[in-house]
Amino acid sequence: MRRQVLLAAVFLTLLVFAQAQEEETLLNRVHDYVQQAARQAHEALTTVKESQVAQQAKGWMADGFSSLHGYWSTWADKWSGLWDTAEKAEAEGH
């Protein structure tokens, strides 16, 4: 009877050890897959970032903001003169 219990304990130990090895292998595979996916995503983003189209789009955006700033400055200059005149007239009226 003792021999059977000992064999069962050894068998169960080996079974648990084998299961742990399988789980570790699965975790390693998932980890490797995630690392590879992250690396590929990084490479793709870098390629897009450095592409000619992206550089052109960046230039267009910069030009657009520059033009917008120019228009705003023109309007602000025109209206500030109007505001100054209105404030002066209001101050003289009181």
PDB file of N, CA and C in Angstrom:
ATOM      1  N   MET A   1       0.824  -1.187   0.000  1.00  0.00           N
ATOM      2  CA  MET A   1       0.000   0.000   0.000  1.00  0.00           C
ATOM      3  C   MET A   1       0.866   1.249   0.000  1.00  0.00           C
ATOM      4  N   ARG A   2       1.928   1.227   0.780  1.00  0.00           N
ATOM      5  CA  ARG A   2       2.800   2.390   0.846  1.00  0.00           C
ATOM      6  C   ARG A   2       3.440   2.657  -0.512  1.00  0.00           C
ATOM      7  N   ARG A   3       3.767   1.617  -1.216  1.00  0.00           N
ATOM      8  CA  ARG A   3       4.409   1.764  -2.515  1.00  0.00           C
ATOM      9  C   ARG A   3       3.448   2.445  -3.495  1.00  0.00           C
ATOM     10  N   GLN A   4       2.186   2.098  -3.454  1.00  0.00           N
ATOM     11  CA  GLN A   4       1.192   2.694  -4.340  1.00  0.00           C
ATOM     12  C   GLN A   4       0.996   4.177  -4.027  1.00  0.00           C
ATOM     13  N   VAL A   5       0.990   4.504  -2.739  1.00  0.00           N
ATOM     14  CA  VAL A   5       0.851   5.902  -2.330  1.00  0.00           C
ATOM     15  C   VAL A   5       2.060   6.705  -2.794  1.00  0.00           C
ATOM     16  N   LEU A   6       3.245   6.140  -2.653  1.00  0.00           N
ATOM     17  CA  LEU A   6       4.475   6.805  -3.086  1.00  0.00           C
ATOM     18  C   LEU A   6       4.459   7.024  -4.598  1.00  0.00           C
ATOM     19  N   LEU A   7       4.050   5.996  -5.363  1.00  0.00           N
ATOM     20  CA  LEU A   7       3.976   6.120  -6.819  1.00  0.00           C
ATOM     21  C   LEU A   7       2.932   7.162  -7.223  1.00  0.00           C
ATOM     22  N   ALA A   8       1.809   7.194  -6.540  1.00  0.00           N
ATOM     23  CA  ALA A   8       0.767   8.180  -6.832  1.00  0.00           C
ATOM     24  C   ALA A   8       1.283   9.591  -6.541  1.00  0.00           C
ATOM     25  N   ALA A   9       2.018   9.780  -5.449  1.00  0.00           N
ATOM     26  CA  ALA A   9       2.570  11.087  -5.096  1.00  0.00           C
ATOM     27  C   ALA A   9       3.597  11.532  -6.141  1.00  0.00           C
ATOM     28  N   VAL A  10       4.445  10.610  -6.571  1.00  0.00           N
ATOM     29  CA  VAL A  10       5.436  10.942  -7.603  1.00  0.00           C
ATOM     30  C   VAL A  10       4.726  11.306  -8.906  1.00  0.00           C
ATOM     31  N   PHE A  11       3.706  10.524  -9.266  1.00  0.00           N
ATOM     32  CA  PHE A  11       2.955  10.795 -10.490  1.00  0.00           C
ATOM     33  C   PHE A  11       2.276  12.163 -10.431  1.00  0.00           C
ATOM     34  N   LEU A  12       1.655  12.459  -9.308  1.00  0.00           N
ATOM     35  CA  LEU A  12       0.991  13.751  -9.150  1.00  0.00           C
ATOM     36  C   LEU A  12       2.003  14.905  -9.199  1.00  0.00           C
ATOM     37  N   THR A  13       3.157  14.711  -8.600  1.00  0.00           N
ATOM     38  CA  THR A  13       4.202  15.734  -8.630  1.00  0.00           C
ATOM     39  C   THR A  13       4.659  15.996 -10.059  1.00  0.00           C
ATOM     40  N   LEU A  14       4.883  14.915 -10.807  1.00  0.00           N
ATOM     41  CA  LEU A  14       5.291  15.061 -12.204  1.00  0.00           C
ATOM     42  C   LEU A  14       4.194  15.740 -13.030  1.00  0.00           C
ATOM     43  N   LEU A  15       2.949  15.388 -12.743  1.00  0.00           N
ATOM     44  CA  LEU A  15       1.823  15.977 -13.455  1.00  0.00           C
ATOM     45  C   LEU A  15       1.733  17.483 -13.180  1.00  0.00           C
ATOM     46  N   VAL A  16       1.878  17.868 -11.928  1.00  0.00           N
ATOM     47  CA  VAL A  16       1.845  19.285 -11.550  1.00  0.00           C
ATOM     48  C   VAL A  16       3.019  20.021 -12.192  1.00  0.00           C
ATOM     49  N   PHE A  17       4.192  19.424 -12.178  1.00  0.00           N
ATOM     50  CA  PHE A  17       5.373  20.035 -12.779  1.00  0.00           C
ATOM     51  C   PHE A  17       5.174  20.228 -14.286  1.00  0.00           C
ATOM     52  N   ALA A  18       4.628  19.224 -14.956  1.00  0.00           N
ATOM     53  CA  ALA A  18       4.377  19.318 -16.394  1.00  0.00           C
ATOM     54  C   ALA A  18       3.358  20.412 -16.692  1.00  0.00           C
ATOM     55  N   GLN A  19       2.327  20.520 -15.878  1.00  0.00           N
ATOM     56  CA  GLN A  19       1.313  21.554 -16.062  1.00  0.00           C
ATOM     57  C   GLN A  19       1.922  22.944 -15.895  1.00  0.00           C
ATOM     58  N   ALA A  20       2.776  23.091 -14.895  1.00  0.00           N
ATOM     59  CA  ALA A  20       3.426  24.376 -14.657  1.00  0.00           C
ATOM     60  C   ALA A  20       4.318  24.748 -15.836  1.00  0.00           C
ATOM     61  N   GLN A  21       4.997  23.760 -16.392  1.00  0.00           N
ATOM     62  CA  GLN A  21       5.862  24.013 -17.556  1.00  0.00           C
ATOM     63  C   GLN A  21       5.025  24.469 -18.753  1.00  0.00           C
ATOM     64  N   GLU A  22       3.871  23.850 -18.966  1.00  0.00           N
ATOM     65  CA  GLU A  22       2.997  24.222 -20.084  1.00  0.00           C
ATOM     66  C   GLU A  22       2.484  25.645 -19.910  1.00  0.00           C
ATOM     67  N   GLU A  23       2.084  26.003 -18.695  1.00  0.00           N
ATOM     68  CA  GLU A  23       1.593  27.358 -18.439  1.00  0.00           C
ATOM     69  C   GLU A  23       2.700  28.376 -18.659  1.00  0.00           C
ATOM     70  N   GLU A  24       3.908  28.043 -18.212  1.00  0.00           N
ATOM     71  CA  GLU A  24       5.040  28.951 -18.394  1.00  0.00           C
ATOM     72  C   GLU A  24       5.341  29.132 -19.878  1.00  0.00           C
ATOM     73  N   THR A  25       5.280  28.063 -20.631  1.00  0.00           N
ATOM     74  CA  THR A  25       5.513  28.133 -22.065  1.00  0.00           C
ATOM     75  C   THR A  25       4.448  28.992 -22.738  1.00  0.00           C
ATOM     76  N   LEU A  26       3.210  28.811 -22.349  1.00  0.00           N
ATOM     77  CA  LEU A  26       2.122  29.613 -22.912  1.00  0.00           C
ATOM     78  C   LEU A  26       2.314  31.091 -22.579  1.00  0.00           C
ATOM     79  N   LEU A  27       2.669  31.388 -21.337  1.00  0.00           N
ATOM     80  CA  LEU A  27       2.915  32.776 -20.942  1.00  0.00           C
ATOM     81  C   LEU A  27       4.081  33.371 -21.730  1.00  0.00           C
ATOM     82  N   ASN A  28       5.123  32.581 -21.945  1.00  0.00           N
ATOM     83  CA  ASN A  28       6.264  33.060 -22.730  1.00  0.00           C
ATOM     84  C   ASN A  28       5.845  33.361 -24.165  1.00  0.00           C
ATOM     85  N   ARG A  29       5.017  32.512 -24.733  1.00  0.00           N
ATOM     86  CA  ARG A  29       4.558  32.735 -26.108  1.00  0.00           C
ATOM     87  C   ARG A  29       3.720  34.009 -26.206  1.00  0.00           C
ATOM     88  N   VAL A  30       2.823  34.193 -25.246  1.00  0.00           N
ATOM     89  CA  VAL A  30       1.990  35.401 -25.243  1.00  0.00           C
ATOM     90  C   VAL A  30       2.876  36.636 -25.075  1.00  0.00           C
ATOM     91  N   HIS A  31       3.823  36.565 -24.168  1.00  0.00           N
ATOM     92  CA  HIS A  31       4.743  37.678 -23.935  1.00  0.00           C
ATOM     93  C   HIS A  31       5.525  38.002 -25.203  1.00  0.00           C
ATOM     94  N   ASP A  32       6.046  36.997 -25.879  1.00  0.00           N
ATOM     95  CA  ASP A  32       6.792  37.200 -27.116  1.00  0.00           C
ATOM     96  C   ASP A  32       5.900  37.814 -28.196  1.00  0.00           C
ATOM     97  N   TYR A  33       4.656  37.340 -28.278  1.00  0.00           N
ATOM     98  CA  TYR A  33       3.729  37.866 -29.274  1.00  0.00           C
ATOM     99  C   TYR A  33       3.438  39.346 -29.018  1.00  0.00           C
ATOM    100  N   VAL A  34       3.217  39.706 -27.767  1.00  0.00           N
ATOM    101  CA  VAL A  34       2.921  41.104 -27.423  1.00  0.00           C
ATOM    102  C   VAL A  34       4.131  41.987 -27.728  1.00  0.00           C
ATOM    103  N   GLN A  35       5.320  41.506 -27.406  1.00  0.00           N
ATOM    104  CA  GLN A  35       6.518  42.280 -27.699  1.00  0.00           C
ATOM    105  C   GLN A  35       6.687  42.490 -29.206  1.00  0.00           C
ATOM    106  N   GLN A  36       6.444  41.436 -29.984  1.00  0.00           N
ATOM    107  CA  GLN A  36       6.563  41.535 -31.429  1.00  0.00           C
ATOM    108  C   GLN A  36       5.522  42.507 -31.993  1.00  0.00           C
ATOM    109  N   ALA A  37       4.297  42.437 -31.506  1.00  0.00           N
ATOM    110  CA  ALA A  37       3.243  43.344 -31.970  1.00  0.00           C
ATOM    111  C   ALA A  37       3.595  44.797 -31.632  1.00  0.00           C
ATOM    112  N   ALA A  38       4.106  45.028 -30.444  1.00  0.00           N
ATOM    113  CA  ALA A  38       4.490  46.386 -30.039  1.00  0.00           C
ATOM    114  C   ALA A  38       5.629  46.901 -30.915  1.00  0.00           C
ATOM    115  N   ARG A  39       6.586  46.055 -31.209  1.00  0.00           N
ATOM    116  CA  ARG A  39       7.715  46.434 -32.049  1.00  0.00           C
ATOM    117  C   ARG A  39       7.231  46.793 -33.467  1.00  0.00           C
ATOM    118  N   GLN A  40       6.332  45.976 -34.016  1.00  0.00           N
ATOM    119  CA  GLN A  40       5.810  46.244 -35.355  1.00  0.00           C
ATOM    120  C   GLN A  40       4.987  47.529 -35.386  1.00  0.00           C
ATOM    121  N   ALA A  41       4.202  47.776 -34.355  1.00  0.00           N
ATOM    122  CA  ALA A  41       3.408  49.014 -34.290  1.00  0.00           C
ATOM    123  C   ALA A  41       4.335  50.227 -34.225  1.00  0.00           C
ATOM    124  N   HIS A  42       5.389  50.125 -33.440  1.00  0.00           N
ATOM    125  CA  HIS A  42       6.350  51.218 -33.318  1.00  0.00           C
ATOM    126  C   HIS A  42       7.020  51.483 -34.670  1.00  0.00           C
ATOM    127  N   GLU A  43       7.418  50.429 -35.360  1.00  0.00           N
ATOM    128  CA  GLU A  43       8.055  50.582 -36.667  1.00  0.00           C
ATOM    129  C   GLU A  43       7.089  51.211 -37.670  1.00  0.00           C
ATOM    130  N   ALA A  44       5.831  50.793 -37.639  1.00  0.00           N
ATOM    131  CA  ALA A  44       4.837  51.348 -38.560  1.00  0.00           C
ATOM    132  C   ALA A  44       4.616  52.833 -38.289  1.00  0.00           C
ATOM    133  N   LEU A  45       4.500  53.196 -37.022  1.00  0.00           N
ATOM    134  CA  LEU A  45       4.315  54.611 -36.671  1.00  0.00           C
ATOM    135  C   LEU A  45       5.525  55.452 -37.065  1.00  0.00           C
ATOM    136  N   THR A  46       6.703  54.910 -36.875  1.00  0.00           N
ATOM    137  CA  THR A  46       7.921  55.620 -37.256  1.00  0.00           C
ATOM    138  C   THR A  46       7.966  55.823 -38.762  1.00  0.00           C
ATOM    139  N   THR A  47       7.591  54.795 -39.514  1.00  0.00           N
ATOM    140  CA  THR A  47       7.580  54.898 -40.972  1.00  0.00           C
ATOM    141  C   THR A  47       6.595  55.959 -41.434  1.00  0.00           C
ATOM    142  N   VAL A  48       5.404  55.966 -40.853  1.00  0.00           N
ATOM    143  CA  VAL A  48       4.397  56.957 -41.224  1.00  0.00           C
ATOM    144  C   VAL A  48       4.868  58.354 -40.848  1.00  0.00           C
ATOM    145  N   LYS A  49       5.454  58.463 -39.683  1.00  0.00           N
ATOM    146  CA  LYS A  49       5.912  59.755 -39.181  1.00  0.00           C
ATOM    147  C   LYS A  49       6.978  60.353 -40.098  1.00  0.00           C
ATOM    148  N   GLU A  50       7.839  59.492 -40.623  1.00  0.00           N
ATOM    149  CA  GLU A  50       8.944  59.953 -41.445  1.00  0.00           C
ATOM    150  C   GLU A  50       8.594  60.012 -42.934  1.00  0.00           C
ATOM    151  N   SER A  51       7.425  59.595 -43.307  1.00  0.00           N
ATOM    152  CA  SER A  51       7.070  59.539 -44.724  1.00  0.00           C
ATOM    153  C   SER A  51       6.937  60.941 -45.307  1.00  0.00           C
ATOM    154  N   GLN A  52       7.066  61.019 -46.608  1.00  0.00           N
ATOM    155  CA  GLN A  52       6.986  62.300 -47.298  1.00  0.00           C
ATOM    156  C   GLN A  52       5.594  62.902 -47.167  1.00  0.00           C
ATOM    157  N   VAL A  53       4.586  62.083 -47.245  1.00  0.00           N
ATOM    158  CA  VAL A  53       3.212  62.575 -47.123  1.00  0.00           C
ATOM    159  C   VAL A  53       3.001  63.214 -45.748  1.00  0.00           C
ATOM    160  N   ALA A  54       3.518  62.558 -44.720  1.00  0.00           N
ATOM    161  CA  ALA A  54       3.375  63.111 -43.369  1.00  0.00           C
ATOM    162  C   ALA A  54       4.111  64.443 -43.253  1.00  0.00           C
ATOM    163  N   GLN A  55       5.275  64.526 -43.860  1.00  0.00           N
ATOM    164  CA  GLN A  55       6.020  65.784 -43.806  1.00  0.00           C
ATOM    165  C   GLN A  55       5.270  66.890 -44.543  1.00  0.00           C
ATOM    166  N   GLN A  56       4.649  66.546 -45.692  1.00  0.00           N
ATOM    167  CA  GLN A  56       3.862  67.540 -46.418  1.00  0.00           C
ATOM    168  C   GLN A  56       2.665  67.997 -45.587  1.00  0.00           C
ATOM    169  N   ALA A  57       1.987  67.054 -44.981  1.00  0.00           N
ATOM    170  CA  ALA A  57       0.823  67.398 -44.158  1.00  0.00           C
ATOM    171  C   ALA A  57       1.242  68.300 -43.000  1.00  0.00           C
ATOM    172  N   LYS A  58       2.376  67.993 -42.416  1.00  0.00           N
ATOM    173  CA  LYS A  58       2.874  68.822 -41.312  1.00  0.00           C
ATOM    174  C   LYS A  58       3.151  70.246 -41.806  1.00  0.00           C
ATOM    175  N   GLY A  59       3.724  70.365 -43.009  1.00  0.00           N
ATOM    176  CA  GLY A  59       3.982  71.683 -43.601  1.00  0.00           C
ATOM    177  C   GLY A  59       2.691  72.429 -43.881  1.00  0.00           C
ATOM    178  N   TRP A  60       1.701  71.721 -44.405  1.00  0.00           N
ATOM    179  CA  TRP A  60       0.411  72.352 -44.690  1.00  0.00           C
ATOM    180  C   TRP A  60      -0.235  72.871 -43.409  1.00  0.00           C
ATOM    181  N   MET A  61      -0.149  72.073 -42.365  1.00  0.00           N
ATOM    182  CA  MET A  61      -0.733  72.502 -41.087  1.00  0.00           C
ATOM    183  C   MET A  61      -0.011  73.749 -40.569  1.00  0.00           C
ATOM    184  N   ALA A  62       1.299  73.757 -40.665  1.00  0.00           N
ATOM    185  CA  ALA A  62       2.063  74.913 -40.192  1.00  0.00           C
ATOM    186  C   ALA A  62       1.702  76.148 -41.010  1.00  0.00           C
ATOM    187  N   ASP A  63       1.584  75.976 -42.337  1.00  0.00           N
ATOM    188  CA  ASP A  63       1.201  77.110 -43.189  1.00  0.00           C
ATOM    189  C   ASP A  63      -0.205  77.599 -42.853  1.00  0.00           C
ATOM    190  N   GLY A  64      -1.111  76.657 -42.617  1.00  0.00           N
ATOM    191  CA  GLY A  64      -2.488  77.021 -42.283  1.00  0.00           C
ATOM    192  C   GLY A  64      -2.559  77.808 -40.987  1.00  0.00           C
ATOM    193  N   PHE A  65      -1.824  77.364 -39.973  1.00  0.00           N
ATOM    194  CA  PHE A  65      -1.827  78.082 -38.699  1.00  0.00           C
ATOM    195  C   PHE A  65      -1.170  79.456 -38.840  1.00  0.00           C
ATOM    196  N   SER A  66      -0.143  79.518 -39.681  1.00  0.00           N
ATOM    197  CA  SER A  66       0.519  80.799 -39.905  1.00  0.00           C
ATOM    198  C   SER A  66      -0.440  81.776 -40.580  1.00  0.00           C
ATOM    199  N   SER A  67      -1.176  81.292 -41.589  1.00  0.00           N
ATOM    200  CA  SER A  67      -2.157  82.146 -42.271  1.00  0.00           C
ATOM    201  C   SER A  67      -3.253  82.585 -41.317  1.00  0.00           C
ATOM    202  N   LEU A  68      -3.735  81.651 -40.500  1.00  0.00           N
ATOM    203  CA  LEU A  68      -4.774  81.971 -39.526  1.00  0.00           C
ATOM    204  C   LEU A  68      -4.285  83.036 -38.557  1.00  0.00           C
ATOM    205  N   HIS A  69      -3.049  82.907 -38.116  1.00  0.00           N
ATOM    206  CA  HIS A  69      -2.474  83.898 -37.209  1.00  0.00           C
ATOM    207  C   HIS A  69      -2.389  85.255 -37.899  1.00  0.00           C
ATOM    208  N   GLY A  70      -2.026  85.261 -39.183  1.00  0.00           N
ATOM    209  CA  GLY A  70      -1.958  86.510 -39.935  1.00  0.00           C
ATOM    210  C   GLY A  70      -3.317  87.173 -40.056  1.00  0.00           C
ATOM    211  N   TYR A  71      -4.344  86.372 -40.382  1.00  0.00           N
ATOM    212  CA  TYR A  71      -5.701  86.924 -40.473  1.00  0.00           C
ATOM    213  C   TYR A  71      -6.149  87.484 -39.125  1.00  0.00           C
ATOM    214  N   TRP A  72      -5.886  86.752 -38.071  1.00  0.00           N
ATOM    215  CA  TRP A  72      -6.292  87.200 -36.742  1.00  0.00           C
ATOM    216  C   TRP A  72      -5.613  88.513 -36.382  1.00  0.00           C
ATOM    217  N   SER A  73      -4.330  88.613 -36.683  1.00  0.00           N
ATOM    218  CA  SER A  73      -3.597  89.851 -36.374  1.00  0.00           C
ATOM    219  C   SER A  73      -4.183  91.025 -37.132  1.00  0.00           C
ATOM    220  N   THR A  74      -4.541  90.802 -38.425  1.00  0.00           N
ATOM    221  CA  THR A  74      -5.132  91.872 -39.233  1.00  0.00           C
ATOM    222  C   THR A  74      -6.451  92.336 -38.625  1.00  0.00           C
ATOM    223  N   TRP A  75      -7.305  91.402 -38.290  1.00  0.00           N
ATOM    224  CA  TRP A  75      -8.599  91.745 -37.692  1.00  0.00           C
ATOM    225  C   TRP A  75      -8.421  92.424 -36.340  1.00  0.00           C
ATOM    226  N   ALA A  76      -7.519  91.900 -35.547  1.00  0.00           N
ATOM    227  CA  ALA A  76      -7.308  92.474 -34.219  1.00  0.00           C
ATOM    228  C   ALA A  76      -6.814  93.918 -34.336  1.00  0.00           C
ATOM    229  N   ASP A  77      -5.923  94.176 -35.296  1.00  0.00           N
ATOM    230  CA  ASP A  77      -5.423  95.543 -35.481  1.00  0.00           C
ATOM    231  C   ASP A  77      -6.547  96.482 -35.883  1.00  0.00           C
ATOM    232  N   LYS A  78      -7.407  96.020 -36.814  1.00  0.00           N
ATOM    233  CA  LYS A  78      -8.518  96.865 -37.265  1.00  0.00           C
ATOM    234  C   LYS A  78      -9.491  97.153 -36.131  1.00  0.00           C
ATOM    235  N   TRP A  79      -9.846  96.101 -35.384  1.00  0.00           N
ATOM    236  CA  TRP A  79     -10.827  96.269 -34.309  1.00  0.00           C
ATOM    237  C   TRP A  79     -10.245  97.012 -33.114  1.00  0.00           C
ATOM    238  N   SER A  80      -8.960  96.856 -32.861  1.00  0.00           N
ATOM    239  CA  SER A  80      -8.384  97.548 -31.701  1.00  0.00           C
ATOM    240  C   SER A  80      -8.432  99.056 -31.900  1.00  0.00           C
ATOM    241  N   GLY A  81      -8.248  99.507 -33.147  1.00  0.00           N
ATOM    242  CA  GLY A  81      -8.388 100.934 -33.435  1.00  0.00           C
ATOM    243  C   GLY A  81      -9.804 101.404 -33.173  1.00  0.00           C
ATOM    244  N   LEU A  82     -10.772 100.592 -33.523  1.00  0.00           N
ATOM    245  CA  LEU A  82     -12.167 100.914 -33.295  1.00  0.00           C
ATOM    246  C   LEU A  82     -12.465 100.977 -31.795  1.00  0.00           C
ATOM    247  N   TRP A  83     -11.922  99.991 -31.064  1.00  0.00           N
ATOM    248  CA  TRP A  83     -12.147  99.958 -29.615  1.00  0.00           C
ATOM    249  C   TRP A  83     -11.525 101.178 -28.947  1.00  0.00           C
ATOM    250  N   ASP A  84     -10.305 101.526 -29.398  1.00  0.00           N
ATOM    251  CA  ASP A  84      -9.634 102.693 -28.812  1.00  0.00           C
ATOM    252  C   ASP A  84     -10.472 103.954 -29.032  1.00  0.00           C
ATOM    253  N   THR A  85     -11.030 104.102 -30.241  1.00  0.00           N
ATOM    254  CA  THR A  85     -11.869 105.266 -30.553  1.00  0.00           C
ATOM    255  C   THR A  85     -13.125 105.267 -29.692  1.00  0.00           C
ATOM    256  N   ALA A  86     -13.735 104.098 -29.533  1.00  0.00           N
ATOM    257  CA  ALA A  86     -14.956 103.997 -28.726  1.00  0.00           C
ATOM    258  C   ALA A  86     -14.666 104.310 -27.266  1.00  0.00           C
ATOM    259  N   GLU A  87     -13.557 103.817 -26.748  1.00  0.00           N
ATOM    260  CA  GLU A  87     -13.203 104.087 -25.349  1.00  0.00           C
ATOM    261  C   GLU A  87     -12.926 105.574 -25.145  1.00  0.00           C
ATOM    262  N   LYS A  88     -12.244 106.186 -26.138  1.00  0.00           N
ATOM    263  CA  LYS A  88     -11.937 107.617 -26.031  1.00  0.00           C
ATOM    264  C   LYS A  88     -13.222 108.433 -26.054  1.00  0.00           C
ATOM    265  N   ALA A  89     -14.145 108.078 -26.952  1.00  0.00           N
ATOM    266  CA  ALA A  89     -15.426 108.794 -27.047  1.00  0.00           C
ATOM    267  C   ALA A  89     -16.228 108.616 -25.763  1.00  0.00           C
ATOM    268  N   GLU A  90     -16.192 107.434 -25.208  1.00  0.00           N
ATOM    269  CA  GLU A  90     -16.939 107.167 -23.970  1.00  0.00           C
ATOM    270  C   GLU A  90     -16.336 107.964 -22.806  1.00  0.00           C
ATOM    271  N   ALA A  91     -15.018 108.026 -22.780  1.00  0.00           N
ATOM    272  CA  ALA A  91     -14.359 108.779 -21.701  1.00  0.00           C
ATOM    273  C   ALA A  91     -14.656 110.283 -21.816  1.00  0.00           C
ATOM    274  N   GLU A  92     -14.735 110.784 -23.032  1.00  0.00           N
ATOM    275  CA  GLU A  92     -15.017 112.209 -23.233  1.00  0.00           C
ATOM    276  C   GLU A  92     -16.469 112.529 -22.934  1.00  0.00           C
ATOM    277  N   GLY A  93     -17.367 111.547 -23.163  1.00  0.00           N
ATOM    278  CA  GLY A  93     -18.780 111.747 -22.930  1.00  0.00           C
ATOM    279  C   GLY A  93     -19.139 111.800 -21.463  1.00  0.00           C
ATOM    280  N   HIS A  94     -18.354 111.240 -20.626  1.00  0.00           N
ATOM    281  CA  HIS A  94     -18.671 111.195 -19.188  1.00  0.00           C
ATOM    282  C   HIS A  94     -18.103 112.334 -18.505  1.00  0.00           C
TER     283      HIS A  94
END
